Amino acid sequence: MSDEYLKQLFGLDGQVAVVVGGTGVLGGALSEGLAQAGAHVVVAGRSLERGEARVAAIKNQGGDASFFAVDATSRESIEQLRDTVLAEHGRVQALVNAAGINSATPYLEITDEEFQQILSANLTTMHMACQAFVPHMAKAGGGAILNIGSVTSSLPLSKVFTYAATKAAVLSLTQNVAREFAPQNVRVNCLCPGFFPAEQNRKILTPDRVADIMRHTPMDRFGSPEELVGAALLLLSASAGSFITGTALYVDGGFTSMTI
């Protein structure tokens, strides 16, 4: 198999990819991977320091990227991101929705404020970004959206009640938007990671919790953020992923295949 064939199948040369939440651990790894595949990556997030560091890392690897400060929970901010990227680049072929937060608050102690905060960060952000970018993609002849779900998109998970509910809703949102805009060649898929240590879950990963996770993960280890890149390229590629929409791809070391 030639390098040229693989590049044609999975490459993103000349494309513009926006990664909302690109300053985080998983979103950052995806940003670097998309840049290595040839895309100009717009790293979008709250932290200027982290965003500029991620852009510098991408450029040091020979990729092309820029940073845009965005509040993903604000429709105005998301629409400003879209308008600025379109003004500067003229087209957006790929959108990755990777922003999110988590909490291990016991169920009966979850306040309305915390519930709404997690709901907004994990679900409403994706809804608003899809609404902002889908019309452009449809008008331009197509595009691909990748929403970051979780193993909790299909399985309940203890100790992270609100997070699990939002990630189940992310899968439903993905399937509905995919069905709605498939005739306009806008593909929408959900990438569902298993357990990848990141900022939002480090406090939750106590020794007992880690032992429980490993007992339920046939590969007996955590994932590395870079291990999400191949799946993302498949789902975002207009060639390799051309007939894939409305699906969930689990990258979880076998977690969702286990029962007892």
Protein backbone atom coordinates (compact mmCIF):
# COMPACT_ATOMS: atom_id res chain seq x y z
CA MET A 1 0.00 0.00 0.00
CA SER A 2 1.51 3.31 -1.08
CA ASP A 3 1.90 6.40 1.06
CA GLU A 4 0.07 8.35 -1.61
CA TYR A 5 -2.94 6.05 -1.35
CA LEU A 6 -3.08 6.43 2.45
CA LYS A 7 -2.76 10.19 2.08
CA GLN A 8 -5.61 10.21 -0.41
CA LEU A 9 -7.74 8.04 1.88
CA PHE A 10 -7.15 9.74 5.22
CA GLY A 11 -5.39 13.03 4.44
CA LEU A 12 -6.88 16.46 5.10
CA ASP A 13 -4.61 18.52 2.86
CA GLY A 14 -5.96 22.01 2.22
CA GLN A 15 -8.85 21.64 4.63
CA VAL A 16 -9.74 23.87 7.55
CA ALA A 17 -10.61 22.08 10.79
CA VAL A 18 -12.02 23.86 13.84
CA VAL A 19 -11.46 22.09 17.18
CA VAL A 20 -13.64 23.54 19.92
CA GLY A 21 -11.97 22.51 23.16
CA GLY A 22 -8.64 22.23 21.37
CA THR A 23 -6.82 23.53 24.44
CA GLY A 24 -7.71 20.42 26.45
CA VAL A 25 -5.84 17.11 26.62
CA LEU A 26 -7.97 15.14 24.16
CA GLY A 27 -8.89 18.10 21.96
CA GLY A 28 -5.23 19.10 21.85
CA ALA A 29 -4.09 15.65 20.72
CA LEU A 30 -6.78 15.67 18.04
CA SER A 31 -5.67 19.14 16.93
CA GLU A 32 -2.11 17.93 16.49
CA GLY A 33 -3.25 14.82 14.63
CA LEU A 34 -5.45 16.74 12.19
CA ALA A 35 -2.60 19.16 11.51
CA GLN A 36 -0.24 16.26 10.81
CA ALA A 37 -2.83 15.00 8.32
CA GLY A 38 -2.55 18.29 6.43
CA ALA A 39 -5.35 20.47 7.79
CA HIS A 40 -5.04 24.04 8.96
CA VAL A 41 -6.33 23.63 12.52
CA VAL A 42 -8.11 26.39 14.40
CA VAL A 43 -7.51 25.59 18.06
CA ALA A 44 -10.48 27.13 19.87
CA GLY A 45 -10.69 27.37 23.65
CA ARG A 46 -10.74 29.62 26.70
CA SER A 47 -7.06 29.60 27.63
CA LEU A 48 -4.80 31.85 25.59
CA GLU A 49 -1.71 30.33 27.21
CA ARG A 50 -2.70 26.75 26.43
CA GLY A 51 -3.95 27.65 22.98
CA GLU A 52 -0.74 29.37 21.97
CA ALA A 53 1.29 26.48 23.39
CA ARG A 54 -0.73 23.99 21.33
CA VAL A 55 -0.32 26.07 18.18
CA ALA A 56 3.43 26.29 18.81
CA ALA A 57 3.61 22.50 19.25
CA ILE A 58 1.75 21.96 15.98
CA LYS A 59 4.04 24.35 14.10
CA ASN A 60 7.12 22.70 15.61
CA GLN A 61 5.86 19.44 14.11
CA GLY A 62 5.58 21.08 10.70
CA GLY A 63 1.82 21.62 10.85
CA ASP A 64 -0.32 24.71 10.36
CA ALA A 65 -2.56 26.12 13.10
CA SER A 66 -3.96 29.23 14.70
CA PHE A 67 -5.67 29.98 18.01
CA PHE A 68 -9.05 31.56 18.62
CA ALA A 69 -10.27 32.44 22.11
CA VAL A 70 -13.84 31.21 22.49
CA ASP A 71 -16.38 30.65 25.23
CA ALA A 72 -18.04 27.50 23.92
CA THR A 73 -21.07 28.04 26.16
CA SER A 74 -21.85 31.37 24.47
CA ARG A 75 -23.73 31.39 21.17
CA GLU A 76 -22.36 34.83 20.39
CA SER A 77 -18.80 33.61 20.92
CA ILE A 78 -19.33 30.47 18.79
CA GLU A 79 -20.82 32.53 15.97
CA GLN A 80 -17.93 34.98 16.17
CA LEU A 81 -15.55 32.02 15.86
CA ARG A 82 -17.38 30.82 12.76
CA ASP A 83 -17.52 34.24 11.14
CA THR A 84 -13.85 34.94 11.78
CA VAL A 85 -12.67 31.58 10.45
CA LEU A 86 -14.81 31.94 7.33
CA ALA A 87 -13.55 35.49 6.77
CA GLU A 88 -9.93 34.35 7.06
CA HIS A 89 -10.11 30.97 5.31
CA GLY A 90 -13.34 30.97 3.30
CA ARG A 91 -14.33 27.43 4.20
CA VAL A 92 -14.60 24.99 7.12
CA GLN A 93 -14.58 21.32 6.14
CA ALA A 94 -14.31 19.80 9.62
CA LEU A 95 -15.60 20.65 13.08
CA VAL A 96 -14.61 18.79 16.24
CA ASN A 97 -16.63 19.43 19.39
CA ALA A 98 -14.31 18.42 22.23
CA ALA A 99 -15.18 20.85 25.04
CA GLY A 100 -16.47 19.34 28.26
CA ILE A 101 -16.29 19.08 32.05
CA ASN A 102 -16.97 16.42 34.67
CA SER A 103 -17.83 16.07 38.35
CA ALA A 104 -17.98 13.26 40.90
CA THR A 105 -20.62 14.84 43.12
CA PRO A 106 -22.86 12.20 44.77
CA TYR A 107 -26.24 12.09 43.06
CA LEU A 108 -28.34 13.50 45.92
CA GLU A 109 -25.86 16.35 46.36
CA ILE A 110 -25.91 17.56 42.76
CA THR A 111 -27.23 21.12 42.75
CA ASP A 112 -29.27 22.66 39.98
CA GLU A 113 -26.38 25.02 39.32
CA GLU A 114 -23.87 22.17 38.86
CA PHE A 115 -26.28 20.17 36.73
CA GLN A 116 -26.87 23.10 34.40
CA GLN A 117 -23.16 23.92 34.24
CA ILE A 118 -22.22 20.41 33.09
CA LEU A 119 -25.21 20.21 30.75
CA SER A 120 -24.19 23.51 29.17
CA ALA A 121 -20.50 22.60 28.81
CA ASN A 122 -21.02 19.07 27.47
CA LEU A 123 -24.20 19.26 25.40
CA THR A 124 -25.39 22.80 24.74
CA THR A 125 -21.95 23.74 23.41
CA MET A 126 -22.19 21.00 20.75
CA HIS A 127 -25.74 21.94 19.84
CA MET A 128 -24.80 25.59 19.33
CA ALA A 129 -21.66 24.75 17.36
CA CYS A 130 -23.59 22.39 15.09
CA GLN A 131 -26.23 25.05 14.51
CA ALA A 132 -23.54 27.60 13.74
CA PHE A 133 -21.47 25.55 11.28
CA VAL A 134 -23.95 23.17 9.61
CA PRO A 135 -25.60 25.79 7.36
CA HIS A 136 -22.21 26.82 5.98
CA MET A 137 -21.19 23.21 5.36
CA ALA A 138 -24.49 22.42 3.67
CA LYS A 139 -24.24 25.47 1.42
CA ALA A 140 -20.61 24.68 0.57
CA GLY A 141 -21.41 21.12 -0.54
CA GLY A 142 -20.66 19.17 2.60
CA GLY A 143 -18.44 18.72 5.61
CA ALA A 144 -17.87 16.55 8.65
CA ILE A 145 -18.61 17.09 12.33
CA LEU A 146 -17.13 14.97 15.09
CA ASN A 147 -18.73 15.16 18.53
CA ILE A 148 -16.77 13.72 21.44
CA GLY A 149 -18.95 11.34 23.41
CA SER A 150 -17.90 8.71 25.92
CA VAL A 151 -18.43 5.09 26.89
CA THR A 152 -21.24 6.62 28.96
CA SER A 153 -22.99 7.51 25.71
CA SER A 154 -24.33 3.94 25.72
CA LEU A 155 -23.64 2.65 29.26
CA PRO A 156 -24.45 4.22 32.63
CA LEU A 157 -21.43 4.96 34.76
CA SER A 158 -21.41 5.40 38.52
CA LYS A 159 -20.11 8.50 40.31
CA VAL A 160 -20.42 10.82 37.27
CA PHE A 161 -24.19 11.04 37.00
CA THR A 162 -24.61 14.36 35.20
CA TYR A 163 -21.66 13.75 32.89
CA ALA A 164 -23.08 10.35 31.89
CA ALA A 165 -26.49 11.85 31.15
CA THR A 166 -24.99 14.57 28.96
CA LYS A 167 -22.85 12.11 27.00
CA ALA A 168 -25.87 9.90 26.32
CA ALA A 169 -27.56 13.02 24.99
CA VAL A 170 -24.52 13.82 22.83
CA LEU A 171 -25.03 10.55 20.95
CA SER A 172 -28.71 11.32 20.41
CA LEU A 173 -27.87 14.83 19.20
CA THR A 174 -25.27 13.39 16.83
CA GLN A 175 -27.70 10.90 15.31
CA ASN A 176 -30.46 13.46 14.86
CA VAL A 177 -28.26 16.10 13.23
CA ALA A 178 -26.69 13.41 11.03
CA ARG A 179 -30.10 12.26 9.83
CA GLU A 180 -31.29 15.80 9.22
CA PHE A 181 -28.35 16.93 7.09
CA ALA A 182 -27.22 13.75 5.34
CA PRO A 183 -28.96 14.90 2.11
CA GLN A 184 -26.67 17.98 2.12
CA ASN A 185 -23.58 15.73 2.51
CA VAL A 186 -22.90 16.93 6.04
CA ARG A 187 -21.73 13.91 8.01
CA VAL A 188 -22.00 13.91 11.81
CA ASN A 189 -20.45 11.21 13.98
CA CYS A 190 -19.61 10.57 17.60
CA LEU A 191 -16.19 9.48 18.85
CA CYS A 192 -16.54 7.75 22.21
CA PRO A 193 -13.34 7.43 24.25
CA GLY A 194 -12.96 5.03 27.11
CA PHE A 195 -10.73 6.05 30.01
CA PHE A 196 -8.10 8.59 29.05
CA PRO A 197 -6.60 10.44 32.04
CA ALA A 198 -7.24 14.14 31.51
CA GLU A 199 -7.78 17.27 33.56
CA GLN A 200 -11.50 16.71 34.00
CA ASN A 201 -11.21 13.22 35.49
CA ARG A 202 -7.92 13.07 37.40
CA LYS A 203 -9.58 13.84 40.75
CA ILE A 204 -12.07 11.03 40.14
CA LEU A 205 -9.39 8.41 39.43
CA THR A 206 -8.78 7.20 42.97
CA PRO A 207 -6.90 3.90 43.40
CA ASP A 208 -10.15 2.00 44.00
CA ARG A 209 -11.75 3.60 40.97
CA VAL A 210 -8.75 2.77 38.78
CA ALA A 211 -8.89 -0.86 39.94
CA ASP A 212 -12.58 -1.05 39.01
CA ILE A 213 -11.89 0.45 35.58
CA MET A 214 -9.06 -1.96 34.85
CA ARG A 215 -11.23 -4.95 35.82
CA HIS A 216 -13.71 -3.75 33.19
CA THR A 217 -11.13 -2.97 30.48
CA PRO A 218 -9.85 -6.08 28.66
CA MET A 219 -6.71 -4.28 27.49
CA ASP A 220 -5.94 -3.52 31.15
CA ARG A 221 -4.65 0.02 30.67
CA PHE A 222 -5.72 3.61 30.09
CA GLY A 223 -5.79 5.05 26.61
CA SER A 224 -3.31 7.61 25.33
CA PRO A 225 -4.80 10.73 23.71
CA GLU A 226 -2.89 10.06 20.48
CA GLU A 227 -4.81 6.79 20.13
CA LEU A 228 -7.92 8.78 19.23
CA VAL A 229 -6.39 10.34 16.13
CA GLY A 230 -6.79 7.41 13.73
CA ALA A 231 -10.48 7.04 14.51
CA ALA A 232 -10.97 10.80 14.15
CA LEU A 233 -9.30 10.82 10.73
CA LEU A 234 -11.55 7.99 9.57
CA LEU A 235 -14.69 9.83 10.63
CA LEU A 236 -13.58 13.24 9.32
CA SER A 237 -12.12 12.09 6.01
CA ALA A 238 -14.30 12.80 2.99
CA SER A 239 -12.73 9.75 1.34
CA ALA A 240 -12.34 7.03 3.98
CA GLY A 241 -15.45 8.13 5.88
CA SER A 242 -17.61 9.13 2.95
CA PHE A 243 -20.49 6.75 3.82
CA ILE A 244 -20.23 6.99 7.61
CA THR A 245 -22.70 9.23 9.41
CA GLY A 246 -24.79 9.04 12.55
CA THR A 247 -22.54 6.43 14.10
CA ALA A 248 -20.57 6.08 17.33
CA LEU A 249 -17.04 4.74 17.26
CA TYR A 250 -15.76 3.49 20.61
CA VAL A 251 -12.04 3.69 21.36
CA ASP A 252 -12.10 2.12 24.80
CA GLY A 253 -9.77 -0.87 25.09
CA GLY A 254 -12.80 -3.16 25.08
CA PHE A 255 -14.63 -1.47 27.98
CA THR A 256 -18.05 -1.55 26.30
CA SER A 257 -17.62 -5.23 25.36
CA MET A 258 -17.48 -6.32 29.02
CA THR A 259 -20.34 -7.45 31.23
CA ILE A 260 -18.90 -9.59 34.03
